[in-house]
Every structure is written in structure tokens, then in C-alpha cells.
Full PDB file with SEQRES, HELIX, SHEET, SSBOND, CRYST1, ORIGX, SCALE, CONECT and MASTER records, all heavy atoms in Angstrom:
SEQRES   1 A   33  THR PHE GLY HIS SER ALA PHE ARG PHE ARG ASP PRO SER          
SEQRES   2 A   33  ARG GLY ILE ASP TRP VAL TYR ASN TYR GLY THR PHE ASP          
SEQRES   3 A   33  PHE ASP ALA PRO ASN PHE TYR                                  
HELIX    1 AA1 PRO A   12  ARG A   14  5                                   3    
SHEET    1 AA1 2 PHE A   7  ASP A  11  0                                        
SHEET    2 AA1 2 ILE A  16  TYR A  20 -1                                        
CRYST1    1.000    1.000    1.000  90.00  90.00  90.00 P 1           1          
ORIGX1      1.000000  0.000000  0.000000        0.00000                         
ORIGX2      0.000000  1.000000  0.000000        0.00000                         
ORIGX3      0.000000  0.000000  1.000000        0.00000                         
SCALE1      1.000000  0.000000  0.000000        0.00000                         
SCALE2      0.000000  1.000000  0.000000        0.00000                         
SCALE3      0.000000  0.000000  1.000000        0.00000                         
ATOM      1  N   THR A   1     171.967  85.658  69.518  1.00  0.00           N  
ATOM      2  CA  THR A   1     173.516  85.572  69.738  1.00  0.00           C  
ATOM      3  C   THR A   1     173.906  85.600  71.135  1.00  0.00           C  
ATOM      4  O   THR A   1     174.973  85.187  71.481  1.00  0.00           O  
ATOM      5  CB  THR A   1     174.024  86.877  68.895  1.00  0.00           C  
ATOM      6  OG1 THR A   1     173.856  86.684  67.546  1.00  0.00           O  
ATOM      7  CG2 THR A   1     175.641  86.899  69.138  1.00  0.00           C  
ATOM      8  N   PHE A   2     173.156  86.267  71.979  1.00  0.00           N  
ATOM      9  CA  PHE A   2     173.559  86.565  73.344  1.00  0.00           C  
ATOM     10  C   PHE A   2     173.000  85.536  74.387  1.00  0.00           C  
ATOM     11  O   PHE A   2     173.144  85.701  75.549  1.00  0.00           O  
ATOM     12  CB  PHE A   2     173.161  87.976  73.735  1.00  0.00           C  
ATOM     13  CG  PHE A   2     173.682  88.997  72.800  1.00  0.00           C  
ATOM     14  CD1 PHE A   2     172.959  89.551  71.743  1.00  0.00           C  
ATOM     15  CD2 PHE A   2     175.118  89.449  72.943  1.00  0.00           C  
ATOM     16  CE1 PHE A   2     173.498  90.475  70.900  1.00  0.00           C  
ATOM     17  CE2 PHE A   2     175.627  90.281  72.093  1.00  0.00           C  
ATOM     18  CZ  PHE A   2     174.845  90.925  71.050  1.00  0.00           C  
ATOM     19  N   GLY A   3     172.191  84.512  73.884  1.00  0.00           N  
ATOM     20  CA  GLY A   3     171.688  83.471  74.792  1.00  0.00           C  
ATOM     21  C   GLY A   3     170.278  83.894  75.385  1.00  0.00           C  
ATOM     22  O   GLY A   3     169.702  84.869  74.963  1.00  0.00           O  
ATOM     23  N   HIS A   4     169.902  83.138  76.284  1.00  0.00           N  
ATOM     24  CA  HIS A   4     168.581  83.424  76.932  1.00  0.00           C  
ATOM     25  C   HIS A   4     168.513  82.953  78.343  1.00  0.00           C  
ATOM     26  O   HIS A   4     169.271  82.029  78.749  1.00  0.00           O  
ATOM     27  CB  HIS A   4     167.544  82.639  76.057  1.00  0.00           C  
ATOM     28  CG  HIS A   4     166.076  82.968  76.510  1.00  0.00           C  
ATOM     29  ND1 HIS A   4     165.577  84.201  76.460  1.00  0.00           N  
ATOM     30  CD2 HIS A   4     165.049  82.082  76.866  1.00  0.00           C  
ATOM     31  CE1 HIS A   4     164.324  84.235  76.826  1.00  0.00           C  
ATOM     32  NE2 HIS A   4     163.979  82.838  77.167  1.00  0.00           N  
ATOM     33  N   SER A   5     167.621  83.512  79.182  1.00  0.00           N  
ATOM     34  CA  SER A   5     167.486  83.038  80.524  1.00  0.00           C  
ATOM     35  C   SER A   5     165.915  82.997  80.748  1.00  0.00           C  
ATOM     36  O   SER A   5     165.140  83.661  80.190  1.00  0.00           O  
ATOM     37  CB  SER A   5     167.994  84.153  81.550  1.00  0.00           C  
ATOM     38  OG  SER A   5     169.401  84.246  81.388  1.00  0.00           O  
ATOM     39  N   ALA A   6     165.578  82.024  81.683  1.00  0.00           N  
ATOM     40  CA  ALA A   6     164.185  81.932  82.090  1.00  0.00           C  
ATOM     41  C   ALA A   6     164.153  81.151  83.460  1.00  0.00           C  
ATOM     42  O   ALA A   6     165.085  80.677  83.983  1.00  0.00           O  
ATOM     43  CB  ALA A   6     163.523  81.092  81.018  1.00  0.00           C  
ATOM     44  N   PHE A   7     162.923  81.188  84.079  1.00  0.00           N  
ATOM     45  CA  PHE A   7     162.668  80.330  85.260  1.00  0.00           C  
ATOM     46  C   PHE A   7     161.987  79.087  84.798  1.00  0.00           C  
ATOM     47  O   PHE A   7     161.257  79.021  83.877  1.00  0.00           O  
ATOM     48  CB  PHE A   7     161.691  81.106  86.178  1.00  0.00           C  
ATOM     49  CG  PHE A   7     162.320  82.288  86.968  1.00  0.00           C  
ATOM     50  CD1 PHE A   7     161.928  83.620  86.702  1.00  0.00           C  
ATOM     51  CD2 PHE A   7     163.149  82.070  87.992  1.00  0.00           C  
ATOM     52  CE1 PHE A   7     162.413  84.622  87.391  1.00  0.00           C  
ATOM     53  CE2 PHE A   7     163.757  83.118  88.732  1.00  0.00           C  
ATOM     54  CZ  PHE A   7     163.453  84.392  88.373  1.00  0.00           C  
ATOM     55  N   ARG A   8     162.381  78.025  85.628  1.00  0.00           N  
ATOM     56  CA  ARG A   8     161.713  76.718  85.470  1.00  0.00           C  
ATOM     57  C   ARG A   8     161.086  76.397  86.755  1.00  0.00           C  
ATOM     58  O   ARG A   8     161.694  76.414  87.811  1.00  0.00           O  
ATOM     59  CB  ARG A   8     162.765  75.628  85.000  1.00  0.00           C  
ATOM     60  CG  ARG A   8     161.961  74.305  84.790  1.00  0.00           C  
ATOM     61  CD  ARG A   8     163.118  73.214  84.538  1.00  0.00           C  
ATOM     62  NE  ARG A   8     162.407  71.883  84.228  1.00  0.00           N  
ATOM     63  CZ  ARG A   8     163.043  70.710  84.050  1.00  0.00           C  
ATOM     64  NH1 ARG A   8     164.459  70.707  84.128  1.00  0.00           N  
ATOM     65  NH2 ARG A   8     162.444  69.650  83.821  1.00  0.00           N  
ATOM     66  N   PHE A   9     159.798  75.968  86.790  1.00  0.00           N  
ATOM     67  CA  PHE A   9     159.105  75.527  87.919  1.00  0.00           C  
ATOM     68  C   PHE A   9     158.714  74.036  87.774  1.00  0.00           C  
ATOM     69  O   PHE A   9     157.952  73.767  86.870  1.00  0.00           O  
ATOM     70  CB  PHE A   9     157.921  76.312  88.215  1.00  0.00           C  
ATOM     71  CG  PHE A   9     157.211  75.890  89.411  1.00  0.00           C  
ATOM     72  CD1 PHE A   9     157.570  75.929  90.657  1.00  0.00           C  
ATOM     73  CD2 PHE A   9     155.795  75.344  89.203  1.00  0.00           C  
ATOM     74  CE1 PHE A   9     156.848  75.474  91.775  1.00  0.00           C  
ATOM     75  CE2 PHE A   9     155.116  74.863  90.294  1.00  0.00           C  
ATOM     76  CZ  PHE A   9     155.543  74.929  91.514  1.00  0.00           C  
ATOM     77  N   ARG A  10     159.194  73.199  88.641  1.00  0.00           N  
ATOM     78  CA  ARG A  10     158.907  71.757  88.471  1.00  0.00           C  
ATOM     79  C   ARG A  10     158.299  71.209  89.750  1.00  0.00           C  
ATOM     80  O   ARG A  10     158.801  71.405  90.806  1.00  0.00           O  
ATOM     81  CB  ARG A  10     160.173  70.984  88.095  1.00  0.00           C  
ATOM     82  CG  ARG A  10     159.956  69.573  87.754  1.00  0.00           C  
ATOM     83  CD  ARG A  10     161.246  68.940  87.090  1.00  0.00           C  
ATOM     84  NE  ARG A  10     161.096  67.573  86.826  1.00  0.00           N  
ATOM     85  CZ  ARG A  10     161.544  66.621  87.600  1.00  0.00           C  
ATOM     86  NH1 ARG A  10     162.075  66.777  88.823  1.00  0.00           N  
ATOM     87  NH2 ARG A  10     161.380  65.279  87.277  1.00  0.00           N  
ATOM     88  N   ASP A  11     157.144  70.574  89.551  1.00  0.00           N  
ATOM     89  CA  ASP A  11     156.512  69.946  90.766  1.00  0.00           C  
ATOM     90  C   ASP A  11     156.035  68.557  90.267  1.00  0.00           C  
ATOM     91  O   ASP A  11     155.017  68.340  89.832  1.00  0.00           O  
ATOM     92  CB  ASP A  11     155.310  70.799  91.133  1.00  0.00           C  
ATOM     93  CG  ASP A  11     154.805  70.453  92.608  1.00  0.00           C  
ATOM     94  OD1 ASP A  11     155.107  69.367  93.168  1.00  0.00           O  
ATOM     95  OD2 ASP A  11     154.017  71.252  93.131  1.00  0.00           O  
ATOM     96  N   PRO A  12     156.965  67.624  90.547  1.00  0.00           N  
ATOM     97  CA  PRO A  12     156.657  66.218  90.111  1.00  0.00           C  
ATOM     98  C   PRO A  12     155.397  65.553  90.595  1.00  0.00           C  
ATOM     99  O   PRO A  12     154.646  64.891  89.922  1.00  0.00           O  
ATOM    100  CB  PRO A  12     157.934  65.413  90.552  1.00  0.00           C  
ATOM    101  CG  PRO A  12     158.929  66.385  90.716  1.00  0.00           C  
ATOM    102  CD  PRO A  12     158.253  67.723  91.172  1.00  0.00           C  
ATOM    103  N   SER A  13     155.028  65.858  91.873  1.00  0.00           N  
ATOM    104  CA  SER A  13     153.914  65.235  92.437  1.00  0.00           C  
ATOM    105  C   SER A  13     152.537  65.707  91.729  1.00  0.00           C  
ATOM    106  O   SER A  13     151.496  65.027  91.776  1.00  0.00           O  
ATOM    107  CB  SER A  13     153.834  65.566  94.015  1.00  0.00           C  
ATOM    108  OG  SER A  13     153.530  67.033  94.153  1.00  0.00           O  
ATOM    109  N   ARG A  14     152.600  66.815  91.072  1.00  0.00           N  
ATOM    110  CA  ARG A  14     151.451  67.397  90.331  1.00  0.00           C  
ATOM    111  C   ARG A  14     151.626  67.361  88.840  1.00  0.00           C  
ATOM    112  O   ARG A  14     150.777  67.929  88.167  1.00  0.00           O  
ATOM    113  CB  ARG A  14     151.103  68.772  90.874  1.00  0.00           C  
ATOM    114  CG  ARG A  14     150.901  68.884  92.332  1.00  0.00           C  
ATOM    115  CD  ARG A  14     150.409  70.184  92.868  1.00  0.00           C  
ATOM    116  NE  ARG A  14     150.086  70.110  94.316  1.00  0.00           N  
ATOM    117  CZ  ARG A  14     149.716  71.102  94.984  1.00  0.00           C  
ATOM    118  NH1 ARG A  14     149.578  72.303  94.465  1.00  0.00           N  
ATOM    119  NH2 ARG A  14     149.433  70.974  96.277  1.00  0.00           N  
ATOM    120  N   GLY A  15     152.661  66.809  88.310  1.00  0.00           N  
ATOM    121  CA  GLY A  15     152.838  66.616  86.880  1.00  0.00           C  
ATOM    122  C   GLY A  15     153.049  67.981  86.302  1.00  0.00           C  
ATOM    123  O   GLY A  15     152.823  68.168  85.146  1.00  0.00           O  
ATOM    124  N   ILE A  16     153.745  68.960  87.089  1.00  0.00           N  
ATOM    125  CA  ILE A  16     153.922  70.312  86.556  1.00  0.00           C  
ATOM    126  C   ILE A  16     155.385  70.544  86.094  1.00  0.00           C  
ATOM    127  O   ILE A  16     156.341  70.249  86.898  1.00  0.00           O  
ATOM    128  CB  ILE A  16     153.481  71.338  87.610  1.00  0.00           C  
ATOM    129  CG1 ILE A  16     152.040  71.419  87.782  1.00  0.00           C  
ATOM    130  CG2 ILE A  16     154.023  72.761  87.196  1.00  0.00           C  
ATOM    131  CD1 ILE A  16     151.495  72.217  88.939  1.00  0.00           C  
ATOM    132  N   ASP A  17     155.611  71.008  84.950  1.00  0.00           N  
ATOM    133  CA  ASP A  17     156.981  71.360  84.504  1.00  0.00           C  
ATOM    134  C   ASP A  17     156.923  72.566  83.571  1.00  0.00           C  
ATOM    135  O   ASP A  17     156.625  72.400  82.317  1.00  0.00           O  
ATOM    136  CB  ASP A  17     157.664  70.186  83.834  1.00  0.00           C  
ATOM    137  CG  ASP A  17     159.198  70.364  83.750  1.00  0.00           C  
ATOM    138  OD1 ASP A  17     159.611  71.344  84.080  1.00  0.00           O  
ATOM    139  OD2 ASP A  17     159.857  69.370  83.207  1.00  0.00           O  
ATOM    140  N   TRP A  18     156.917  73.754  84.063  1.00  0.00           N  
ATOM    141  CA  TRP A  18     156.690  74.948  83.359  1.00  0.00           C  
ATOM    142  C   TRP A  18     157.956  75.803  83.204  1.00  0.00           C  
ATOM    143  O   TRP A  18     158.779  75.780  84.147  1.00  0.00           O  
ATOM    144  CB  TRP A  18     155.593  75.862  83.982  1.00  0.00           C  
ATOM    145  CG  TRP A  18     154.205  75.186  84.005  1.00  0.00           C  
ATOM    146  CD1 TRP A  18     153.777  74.285  83.137  1.00  0.00           C  
ATOM    147  CD2 TRP A  18     153.168  75.347  85.019  1.00  0.00           C  
ATOM    148  NE1 TRP A  18     152.441  73.986  83.449  1.00  0.00           N  
ATOM    149  CE2 TRP A  18     152.166  74.658  84.639  1.00  0.00           C  
ATOM    150  CE3 TRP A  18     153.092  76.213  86.105  1.00  0.00           C  
ATOM    151  CZ2 TRP A  18     150.962  74.637  85.346  1.00  0.00           C  
ATOM    152  CZ3 TRP A  18     151.897  76.178  86.848  1.00  0.00           C  
ATOM    153  CH2 TRP A  18     150.905  75.361  86.396  1.00  0.00           C  
ATOM    154  N   VAL A  19     157.962  76.658  82.209  1.00  0.00           N  
ATOM    155  CA  VAL A  19     158.953  77.672  81.972  1.00  0.00           C  
ATOM    156  C   VAL A  19     158.222  79.042  82.047  1.00  0.00           C  
ATOM    157  O   VAL A  19     157.296  79.170  81.266  1.00  0.00           O  
ATOM    158  CB  VAL A  19     159.869  77.356  80.787  1.00  0.00           C  
ATOM    159  CG1 VAL A  19     160.597  78.647  80.499  1.00  0.00           C  
ATOM    160  CG2 VAL A  19     160.761  76.278  80.841  1.00  0.00           C  
ATOM    161  N   TYR A  20     158.766  79.947  82.807  1.00  0.00           N  
ATOM    162  CA  TYR A  20     158.269  81.323  82.787  1.00  0.00           C  
ATOM    163  C   TYR A  20     159.363  82.172  81.997  1.00  0.00           C  
ATOM    164  O   TYR A  20     160.480  82.256  82.502  1.00  0.00           O  
ATOM    165  CB  TYR A  20     158.087  81.851  84.186  1.00  0.00           C  
ATOM    166  CG  TYR A  20     156.991  81.201  85.043  1.00  0.00           C  
ATOM    167  CD1 TYR A  20     157.157  80.110  85.667  1.00  0.00           C  
ATOM    168  CD2 TYR A  20     155.676  81.723  85.039  1.00  0.00           C  
ATOM    169  CE1 TYR A  20     156.163  79.348  86.516  1.00  0.00           C  
ATOM    170  CE2 TYR A  20     154.534  81.070  85.636  1.00  0.00           C  
ATOM    171  CZ  TYR A  20     154.903  79.953  86.400  1.00  0.00           C  
ATOM    172  OH  TYR A  20     153.785  79.371  87.072  1.00  0.00           O  
ATOM    173  N   ASN A  21     158.959  82.617  80.823  1.00  0.00           N  
ATOM    174  CA  ASN A  21     159.858  83.239  79.983  1.00  0.00           C  
ATOM    175  C   ASN A  21     159.544  84.726  79.736  1.00  0.00           C  
ATOM    176  O   ASN A  21     158.463  84.935  79.177  1.00  0.00           O  
ATOM    177  CB  ASN A  21     159.800  82.328  78.687  1.00  0.00           C  
ATOM    178  CG  ASN A  21     160.645  82.845  77.528  1.00  0.00           C  
ATOM    179  OD1 ASN A  21     161.444  83.801  77.752  1.00  0.00           O  
ATOM    180  ND2 ASN A  21     160.524  82.315  76.390  1.00  0.00           N  
ATOM    181  N   TYR A  22     160.511  85.579  80.063  1.00  0.00           N  
ATOM    182  CA  TYR A  22     160.306  86.975  79.804  1.00  0.00           C  
ATOM    183  C   TYR A  22     160.796  87.499  78.446  1.00  0.00           C  
ATOM    184  O   TYR A  22     160.703  88.681  78.230  1.00  0.00           O  
ATOM    185  CB  TYR A  22     161.030  87.805  80.916  1.00  0.00           C  
ATOM    186  CG  TYR A  22     160.277  87.952  82.312  1.00  0.00           C  
ATOM    187  CD1 TYR A  22     160.493  87.000  83.368  1.00  0.00           C  
ATOM    188  CD2 TYR A  22     159.318  88.885  82.398  1.00  0.00           C  
ATOM    189  CE1 TYR A  22     159.892  87.020  84.520  1.00  0.00           C  
ATOM    190  CE2 TYR A  22     158.601  88.937  83.651  1.00  0.00           C  
ATOM    191  CZ  TYR A  22     158.933  88.058  84.603  1.00  0.00           C  
ATOM    192  OH  TYR A  22     158.160  88.177  85.842  1.00  0.00           O  
ATOM    193  N   GLY A  23     161.130  86.554  77.552  1.00  0.00           N  
ATOM    194  CA  GLY A  23     161.749  86.980  76.234  1.00  0.00           C  
ATOM    195  C   GLY A  23     160.742  86.838  75.113  1.00  0.00           C  
ATOM    196  O   GLY A  23     161.168  86.550  74.087  1.00  0.00           O  
ATOM    197  N   THR A  24     159.419  86.897  75.313  1.00  0.00           N  
ATOM    198  CA  THR A  24     158.547  86.689  74.259  1.00  0.00           C  
ATOM    199  C   THR A  24     157.826  87.928  73.717  1.00  0.00           C  
ATOM    200  O   THR A  24     157.680  88.878  74.518  1.00  0.00           O  
ATOM    201  CB  THR A  24     157.396  85.677  74.659  1.00  0.00           C  
ATOM    202  OG1 THR A  24     156.758  86.186  75.880  1.00  0.00           O  
ATOM    203  CG2 THR A  24     157.938  84.211  75.010  1.00  0.00           C  
ATOM    204  N   PHE A  25     157.591  87.915  72.508  1.00  0.00           N  
ATOM    205  CA  PHE A  25     156.862  89.099  71.786  1.00  0.00           C  
ATOM    206  C   PHE A  25     156.021  88.550  70.661  1.00  0.00           C  
ATOM    207  O   PHE A  25     156.158  87.354  70.218  1.00  0.00           O  
ATOM    208  CB  PHE A  25     157.781  90.167  71.391  1.00  0.00           C  
ATOM    209  CG  PHE A  25     158.938  89.524  70.473  1.00  0.00           C  
ATOM    210  CD1 PHE A  25     158.768  89.385  69.136  1.00  0.00           C  
ATOM    211  CD2 PHE A  25     160.082  89.271  70.963  1.00  0.00           C  
ATOM    212  CE1 PHE A  25     159.759  88.914  68.224  1.00  0.00           C  
ATOM    213  CE2 PHE A  25     161.146  88.803  70.198  1.00  0.00           C  
ATOM    214  CZ  PHE A  25     160.998  88.690  68.804  1.00  0.00           C  
ATOM    215  N   ASP A  26     155.020  89.330  70.146  1.00  0.00           N  
ATOM    216  CA  ASP A  26     154.128  88.874  69.283  1.00  0.00           C  
ATOM    217  C   ASP A  26     154.452  89.443  67.911  1.00  0.00           C  
ATOM    218  O   ASP A  26     154.426  90.691  67.590  1.00  0.00           O  
ATOM    219  CB  ASP A  26     152.764  89.374  69.664  1.00  0.00           C  
ATOM    220  CG  ASP A  26     151.628  88.968  68.695  1.00  0.00           C  
ATOM    221  OD1 ASP A  26     151.948  88.133  67.845  1.00  0.00           O  
ATOM    222  OD2 ASP A  26     150.522  89.414  68.823  1.00  0.00           O  
ATOM    223  N   PHE A  27     154.847  88.412  66.948  1.00  0.00           N  
ATOM    224  CA  PHE A  27     155.180  88.924  65.527  1.00  0.00           C  
ATOM    225  C   PHE A  27     154.024  89.455  64.860  1.00  0.00           C  
ATOM    226  O   PHE A  27     154.106  90.248  63.874  1.00  0.00           O  
ATOM    227  CB  PHE A  27     155.712  87.665  64.794  1.00  0.00           C  
ATOM    228  CG  PHE A  27     157.019  87.371  65.017  1.00  0.00           C  
ATOM    229  CD1 PHE A  27     157.535  86.388  65.727  1.00  0.00           C  
ATOM    230  CD2 PHE A  27     158.060  88.271  64.417  1.00  0.00           C  
ATOM    231  CE1 PHE A  27     158.923  85.980  65.950  1.00  0.00           C  
ATOM    232  CE2 PHE A  27     159.499  88.030  64.659  1.00  0.00           C  
ATOM    233  CZ  PHE A  27     159.747  86.892  65.285  1.00  0.00           C  
ATOM    234  N   ASP A  28     152.735  89.120  65.323  1.00  0.00           N  
ATOM    235  CA  ASP A  28     151.543  89.594  64.648  1.00  0.00           C  
ATOM    236  C   ASP A  28     150.984  90.929  65.232  1.00  0.00           C  
ATOM    237  O   ASP A  28     149.950  91.413  64.847  1.00  0.00           O  
ATOM    238  CB  ASP A  28     150.436  88.469  64.818  1.00  0.00           C  
ATOM    239  CG  ASP A  28     150.834  87.241  64.042  1.00  0.00           C  
ATOM    240  OD1 ASP A  28     151.407  87.440  63.007  1.00  0.00           O  
ATOM    241  OD2 ASP A  28     150.398  86.210  64.509  1.00  0.00           O  
ATOM    242  N   ALA A  29     151.767  91.560  66.145  1.00  0.00           N  
ATOM    243  CA  ALA A  29     151.353  92.780  66.686  1.00  0.00           C  
ATOM    244  C   ALA A  29     151.283  93.955  65.651  1.00  0.00           C  
ATOM    245  O   ALA A  29     152.058  93.875  64.781  1.00  0.00           O  
ATOM    246  CB  ALA A  29     152.329  93.232  67.895  1.00  0.00           C  
ATOM    247  N   PRO A  30     150.326  94.726  65.725  1.00  0.00           N  
ATOM    248  CA  PRO A  30     150.144  95.825  64.648  1.00  0.00           C  
ATOM    249  C   PRO A  30     151.466  96.643  64.639  1.00  0.00           C  
ATOM    250  O   PRO A  30     152.032  97.016  65.626  1.00  0.00           O  
ATOM    251  CB  PRO A  30     149.010  96.625  65.165  1.00  0.00           C  
ATOM    252  CG  PRO A  30     148.158  95.679  66.086  1.00  0.00           C  
ATOM    253  CD  PRO A  30     149.224  94.868  66.733  1.00  0.00           C  
ATOM    254  N   ASN A  31     151.843  96.974  63.439  1.00  0.00           N  
ATOM    255  CA  ASN A  31     153.047  97.762  63.151  1.00  0.00           C  
ATOM    256  C   ASN A  31     154.321  97.188  63.800  1.00  0.00           C  
ATOM    257  O   ASN A  31     155.058  97.951  64.554  1.00  0.00           O  
ATOM    258  CB  ASN A  31     152.852  99.222  63.635  1.00  0.00           C  
ATOM    259  CG  ASN A  31     151.674  99.865  62.904  1.00  0.00           C  
ATOM    260  OD1 ASN A  31     151.617  99.805  61.698  1.00  0.00           O  
ATOM    261  ND2 ASN A  31     150.833 100.489  63.670  1.00  0.00           N  
ATOM    262  N   PHE A  32     154.471  95.871  63.754  1.00  0.00           N  
ATOM    263  CA  PHE A  32     155.476  95.200  64.492  1.00  0.00           C  
ATOM    264  C   PHE A  32     156.879  95.847  64.155  1.00  0.00           C  
ATOM    265  O   PHE A  32     157.646  96.157  65.121  1.00  0.00           O  
ATOM    266  CB  PHE A  32     155.509  93.738  64.078  1.00  0.00           C  
ATOM    267  CG  PHE A  32     156.730  92.866  64.678  1.00  0.00           C  
ATOM    268  CD1 PHE A  32     156.504  92.391  65.921  1.00  0.00           C  
ATOM    269  CD2 PHE A  32     157.846  92.789  63.962  1.00  0.00           C  
ATOM    270  CE1 PHE A  32     157.679  91.733  66.472  1.00  0.00           C  
ATOM    271  CE2 PHE A  32     158.899  92.098  64.484  1.00  0.00           C  
ATOM    272  CZ  PHE A  32     158.791  91.482  65.708  1.00  0.00           C  
ATOM    273  N   TYR A  33     157.251  95.912  62.884  1.00  0.00           N  
ATOM    274  CA  TYR A  33     158.610  96.446  62.642  1.00  0.00           C  
ATOM    275  C   TYR A  33     158.789  97.805  62.910  1.00  0.00           C  
ATOM    276  O   TYR A  33     159.964  98.267  63.355  1.00  0.00           O  
ATOM    277  CB  TYR A  33     158.847  96.177  61.096  1.00  0.00           C  
ATOM    278  CG  TYR A  33     159.072  94.695  60.819  1.00  0.00           C  
ATOM    279  CD1 TYR A  33     157.959  93.967  60.185  1.00  0.00           C  
ATOM    280  CD2 TYR A  33     160.161  93.956  61.180  1.00  0.00           C  
ATOM    281  CE1 TYR A  33     158.111  92.645  59.926  1.00  0.00           C  
ATOM    282  CE2 TYR A  33     160.268  92.574  60.923  1.00  0.00           C  
ATOM    283  CZ  TYR A  33     159.212  91.905  60.219  1.00  0.00           C  
ATOM    284  OH  TYR A  33     159.347  90.548  60.009  1.00  0.00           O  
TER     285      TYR A  33                                                      
MASTER        0    0    0    1    2    0    0    6  284    1    0    3          
END                                                                             
């Protein structure tokens, strides 16, 4: 609902186009809920 923010790093000469995303978590983590 509140949107999302991330960093994008793009280096065309090296074929790099990455996103660094601080909003990830593991659904399979023990005792997730």
C-alpha cells in the first residue's frame, strides 16, 4: 500500500543493470508468522 524504494546501478559498458533492494525477507524462515 505504501510503495517501495530501491537503488538501481546501471553500467552499460559492462552489461550490468542491478537493483539493490532493502525490502526483502524470507517467507520460508523458521517461525515466519
